[in-house]
Amino acid sequence: MESESVSREYQARISTVGRLYAHEESKKPIRSKVTSHDLSDFSNAEEFAALSPEDKEKVWQYYNRKIPFSETRPLDSHKRARFERTRRRSVGRPKIGQGAKVVAVTLEKGFLNRVDAYAKKHKIKRAQMITQGLRIIMGETAA
């Protein structure tokens, strides 16, 4: 029983490591920089699959560790620009107009139930319904 769970864990780890290096469909060579760390050299998923279980375990142990800062390097200008674009991306809903502001509104419970039922029946959100009502009152066109 114990060897069966170890075998499953081992297979899961090998599968994970294999996916790190190449998609089976692409067959694109991948640069392996692990030769300086006494690990077997491989450049694609087929070569990784051909490694002995011991070598696969060494590769797994190497990549399944905390990477020390001394082994990192700064991003080149292209990767830095991509990182900055990703970092600046806003999270959440897209901004409409000047954005949205959460407002607490007190409504009688029975009335709120009727509002929710109407919104559900007409497949609109409660906030949309309130916005449309306020626009009508203010003389703006309902959108």
C-alpha atoms as a PDB file:
ATOM      1  CA  MET A   1       0.000   0.000   0.000  1.00  0.00           C
ATOM      2  CA  GLU A   2       2.806   2.411   0.913  1.00  0.00           C
ATOM      3  CA  SER A   3       4.756   1.645  -2.261  1.00  0.00           C
ATOM      4  CA  GLU A   4       1.597   2.306  -4.294  1.00  0.00           C
ATOM      5  CA  SER A   5       1.231   5.818  -2.820  1.00  0.00           C
ATOM      6  CA  VAL A   6       4.945   6.483  -3.326  1.00  0.00           C
ATOM      7  CA  SER A   7       4.626   5.342  -6.913  1.00  0.00           C
ATOM      8  CA  ARG A   8       1.636   7.659  -7.496  1.00  0.00           C
ATOM      9  CA  GLU A   9       3.484  10.578  -5.916  1.00  0.00           C
ATOM     10  CA  TYR A  10       6.565   9.821  -8.008  1.00  0.00           C
ATOM     11  CA  GLN A  11       4.519   9.632 -11.226  1.00  0.00           C
ATOM     12  CA  ALA A  12       2.796  12.933 -10.380  1.00  0.00           C
ATOM     13  CA  ARG A  13       6.147  14.612  -9.786  1.00  0.00           C
ATOM     14  CA  ILE A  14       7.654  13.248 -12.995  1.00  0.00           C
ATOM     15  CA  SER A  15       4.591  14.385 -14.912  1.00  0.00           C
ATOM     16  CA  THR A  16       4.919  17.864 -13.415  1.00  0.00           C
ATOM     17  CA  VAL A  17       8.599  18.119 -14.240  1.00  0.00           C
ATOM     18  CA  GLY A  18       7.972  16.907 -17.780  1.00  0.00           C
ATOM     19  CA  ARG A  19       5.403  19.668 -18.297  1.00  0.00           C
ATOM     20  CA  LEU A  20       7.935  22.228 -17.106  1.00  0.00           C
ATOM     21  CA  TYR A  21      10.147  21.534 -20.083  1.00  0.00           C
ATOM     22  CA  ALA A  22       7.941  21.079 -23.132  1.00  0.00           C
ATOM     23  CA  HIS A  23       4.429  20.428 -24.266  1.00  0.00           C
ATOM     24  CA  GLU A  24       4.265  16.986 -25.814  1.00  0.00           C
ATOM     25  CA  GLU A  25       2.741  18.433 -28.997  1.00  0.00           C
ATOM     26  CA  SER A  26       5.331  21.164 -29.593  1.00  0.00           C
ATOM     27  CA  LYS A  27       8.515  19.039 -29.523  1.00  0.00           C
ATOM     28  CA  LYS A  28      10.433  22.329 -29.388  1.00  0.00           C
ATOM     29  CA  PRO A  29      13.892  22.036 -27.905  1.00  0.00           C
ATOM     30  CA  ILE A  30      14.322  23.664 -24.561  1.00  0.00           C
ATOM     31  CA  ARG A  31      17.584  24.992 -23.238  1.00  0.00           C
ATOM     32  CA  SER A  32      18.637  23.062 -20.203  1.00  0.00           C
ATOM     33  CA  LYS A  33      20.925  24.893 -17.820  1.00  0.00           C
ATOM     34  CA  VAL A  34      21.192  22.095 -15.315  1.00  0.00           C
ATOM     35  CA  THR A  35      24.422  20.515 -16.588  1.00  0.00           C
ATOM     36  CA  SER A  36      26.513  22.612 -14.207  1.00  0.00           C
ATOM     37  CA  HIS A  37      24.593  21.088 -11.282  1.00  0.00           C
ATOM     38  CA  ASP A  38      25.536  17.470 -11.974  1.00  0.00           C
ATOM     39  CA  LEU A  39      22.196  16.702 -13.623  1.00  0.00           C
ATOM     40  CA  SER A  40      21.605  14.943 -16.894  1.00  0.00           C
ATOM     41  CA  ASP A  41      21.290  17.192 -19.928  1.00  0.00           C
ATOM     42  CA  PHE A  42      18.080  17.109 -21.928  1.00  0.00           C
ATOM     43  CA  SER A  43      16.536  19.516 -24.407  1.00  0.00           C
ATOM     44  CA  ASN A  44      12.958  18.297 -24.870  1.00  0.00           C
ATOM     45  CA  ALA A  45      10.261  16.180 -23.239  1.00  0.00           C
ATOM     46  CA  GLU A  46      11.259  12.996 -25.084  1.00  0.00           C
ATOM     47  CA  GLU A  47      14.824  13.231 -23.815  1.00  0.00           C
ATOM     48  CA  PHE A  48      13.544  13.909 -20.304  1.00  0.00           C
ATOM     49  CA  ALA A  49      11.250  10.875 -20.485  1.00  0.00           C
ATOM     50  CA  ALA A  50      14.262   8.750 -21.499  1.00  0.00           C
ATOM     51  CA  LEU A  51      16.182   9.671 -18.327  1.00  0.00           C
ATOM     52  CA  SER A  52      16.558   7.076 -15.597  1.00  0.00           C
ATOM     53  CA  PRO A  53      14.260   7.376 -12.566  1.00  0.00           C
ATOM     54  CA  GLU A  54      17.250   8.468 -10.471  1.00  0.00           C
ATOM     55  CA  ASP A  55      18.107  11.278 -12.911  1.00  0.00           C
ATOM     56  CA  LYS A  56      14.457  12.373 -13.043  1.00  0.00           C
ATOM     57  CA  GLU A  57      14.444  12.456  -9.247  1.00  0.00           C
ATOM     58  CA  LYS A  58      17.576  14.647  -9.261  1.00  0.00           C
ATOM     59  CA  VAL A  59      15.929  17.029 -11.714  1.00  0.00           C
ATOM     60  CA  TRP A  60      12.784  17.099  -9.561  1.00  0.00           C
ATOM     61  CA  GLN A  61      14.787  17.832  -6.422  1.00  0.00           C
ATOM     62  CA  TYR A  62      16.717  20.597  -8.199  1.00  0.00           C
ATOM     63  CA  TYR A  63      13.625  22.419  -9.449  1.00  0.00           C
ATOM     64  CA  ASN A  64      11.471  21.724  -6.389  1.00  0.00           C
ATOM     65  CA  ARG A  65      13.522  23.888  -4.066  1.00  0.00           C
ATOM     66  CA  LYS A  66      13.682  27.470  -2.944  1.00  0.00           C
ATOM     67  CA  ILE A  67      15.853  29.297  -5.464  1.00  0.00           C
ATOM     68  CA  PRO A  68      18.481  31.445  -3.751  1.00  0.00           C
ATOM     69  CA  PHE A  69      18.753  35.072  -4.796  1.00  0.00           C
ATOM     70  CA  SER A  70      22.323  34.450  -5.955  1.00  0.00           C
ATOM     71  CA  GLU A  71      20.995  32.216  -8.762  1.00  0.00           C
ATOM     72  CA  THR A  72      18.672  34.887 -10.162  1.00  0.00           C
ATOM     73  CA  ARG A  73      19.438  37.554 -12.732  1.00  0.00           C
ATOM     74  CA  PRO A  74      17.827  40.877 -13.674  1.00  0.00           C
ATOM     75  CA  LEU A  75      15.192  40.999 -16.398  1.00  0.00           C
ATOM     76  CA  ASP A  76      16.266  42.189 -19.832  1.00  0.00           C
ATOM     77  CA  SER A  77      14.531  45.291 -21.239  1.00  0.00           C
ATOM     78  CA  HIS A  78      11.889  43.297 -23.168  1.00  0.00           C
ATOM     79  CA  LYS A  79      10.922  41.188 -20.157  1.00  0.00           C
ATOM     80  CA  ARG A  80      11.023  44.227 -17.850  1.00  0.00           C
ATOM     81  CA  ALA A  81       8.580  46.096 -20.150  1.00  0.00           C
ATOM     82  CA  ARG A  82       6.260  43.077 -20.226  1.00  0.00           C
ATOM     83  CA  PHE A  83       6.419  42.816 -16.430  1.00  0.00           C
ATOM     84  CA  GLU A  84       5.585  46.512 -16.032  1.00  0.00           C
ATOM     85  CA  ARG A  85       2.596  46.233 -18.414  1.00  0.00           C
ATOM     86  CA  THR A  86       1.287  43.280 -16.451  1.00  0.00           C
ATOM     87  CA  ARG A  87       1.857  45.000 -13.121  1.00  0.00           C
ATOM     88  CA  ARG A  88      -0.021  48.127 -14.210  1.00  0.00           C
ATOM     89  CA  ARG A  89      -3.053  46.158 -15.358  1.00  0.00           C
ATOM     90  CA  SER A  90      -6.010  46.932 -13.192  1.00  0.00           C
ATOM     91  CA  VAL A  91      -7.714  44.110 -11.406  1.00  0.00           C
ATOM     92  CA  GLY A  92     -11.462  43.699 -11.272  1.00  0.00           C
ATOM     93  CA  ARG A  93     -14.266  45.036 -13.395  1.00  0.00           C
ATOM     94  CA  PRO A  94     -13.512  47.350 -16.298  1.00  0.00           C
ATOM     95  CA  LYS A  95     -13.982  51.012 -15.517  1.00  0.00           C
ATOM     96  CA  ILE A  96     -17.115  52.614 -16.981  1.00  0.00           C
ATOM     97  CA  GLY A  97     -17.131  56.393 -17.128  1.00  0.00           C
ATOM     98  CA  GLN A  98     -15.339  57.671 -14.041  1.00  0.00           C
ATOM     99  CA  GLY A  99     -15.548  54.310 -12.296  1.00  0.00           C
ATOM    100  CA  ALA A 100     -17.985  53.097  -9.667  1.00  0.00           C
ATOM    101  CA  LYS A 101     -18.500  53.990  -6.025  1.00  0.00           C
ATOM    102  CA  VAL A 102     -20.195  51.719  -3.497  1.00  0.00           C
ATOM    103  CA  VAL A 103     -23.098  53.526  -1.833  1.00  0.00           C
ATOM    104  CA  ALA A 104     -25.102  52.223   1.117  1.00  0.00           C
ATOM    105  CA  VAL A 105     -28.816  52.774   0.550  1.00  0.00           C
ATOM    106  CA  THR A 106     -31.495  51.893   3.102  1.00  0.00           C
ATOM    107  CA  LEU A 107     -34.632  50.288   1.666  1.00  0.00           C
ATOM    108  CA  GLU A 108     -37.625  48.726   3.378  1.00  0.00           C
ATOM    109  CA  LYS A 109     -37.271  44.912   3.343  1.00  0.00           C
ATOM    110  CA  GLY A 110     -40.557  44.218   1.566  1.00  0.00           C
ATOM    111  CA  PHE A 111     -39.777  46.813  -1.108  1.00  0.00           C
ATOM    112  CA  LEU A 112     -36.274  45.376  -1.551  1.00  0.00           C
ATOM    113  CA  ASN A 113     -37.786  41.911  -2.079  1.00  0.00           C
ATOM    114  CA  ARG A 114     -40.048  43.331  -4.814  1.00  0.00           C
ATOM    115  CA  VAL A 115     -37.075  45.140  -6.399  1.00  0.00           C
ATOM    116  CA  ASP A 116     -35.009  41.929  -6.414  1.00  0.00           C
ATOM    117  CA  ALA A 117     -37.915  39.918  -7.884  1.00  0.00           C
ATOM    118  CA  TYR A 118     -38.399  42.505 -10.651  1.00  0.00           C
ATOM    119  CA  ALA A 119     -34.649  42.575 -11.399  1.00  0.00           C
ATOM    120  CA  LYS A 120     -34.507  38.782 -11.536  1.00  0.00           C
ATOM    121  CA  LYS A 121     -37.569  38.563 -13.793  1.00  0.00           C
ATOM    122  CA  HIS A 122     -36.117  41.124 -16.212  1.00  0.00           C
ATOM    123  CA  LYS A 123     -32.564  39.706 -15.935  1.00  0.00           C
ATOM    124  CA  ILE A 124     -30.926  42.916 -14.764  1.00  0.00           C
ATOM    125  CA  LYS A 125     -28.852  43.654 -11.708  1.00  0.00           C
ATOM    126  CA  ARG A 126     -30.199  45.586  -8.768  1.00  0.00           C
ATOM    127  CA  ALA A 127     -27.580  48.314  -9.292  1.00  0.00           C
ATOM    128  CA  GLN A 128     -28.630  48.693 -12.940  1.00  0.00           C
ATOM    129  CA  MET A 129     -32.240  49.028 -11.909  1.00  0.00           C
ATOM    130  CA  ILE A 130     -31.433  51.718  -9.337  1.00  0.00           C
ATOM    131  CA  THR A 131     -29.197  53.570 -11.829  1.00  0.00           C
ATOM    132  CA  GLN A 132     -31.942  53.546 -14.475  1.00  0.00           C
ATOM    133  CA  GLY A 133     -34.492  54.837 -11.966  1.00  0.00           C
ATOM    134  CA  LEU A 134     -32.213  57.677 -10.866  1.00  0.00           C
ATOM    135  CA  ARG A 135     -31.526  58.660 -14.476  1.00  0.00           C
ATOM    136  CA  ILE A 136     -35.261  58.800 -15.194  1.00  0.00           C
ATOM    137  CA  ILE A 137     -35.841  61.014 -12.147  1.00  0.00           C
ATOM    138  CA  MET A 138     -32.948  63.294 -13.148  1.00  0.00           C
ATOM    139  CA  GLY A 139     -34.310  63.604 -16.712  1.00  0.00           C
ATOM    140  CA  GLU A 140     -31.402  61.766 -18.318  1.00  0.00           C
ATOM    141  CA  THR A 141     -32.027  59.083 -20.899  1.00  0.00           C
ATOM    142  CA  ALA A 142     -32.155  55.595 -19.407  1.00  0.00           C
ATOM    143  CA  ALA A 143     -29.364  53.439 -20.788  1.00  0.00           C
END
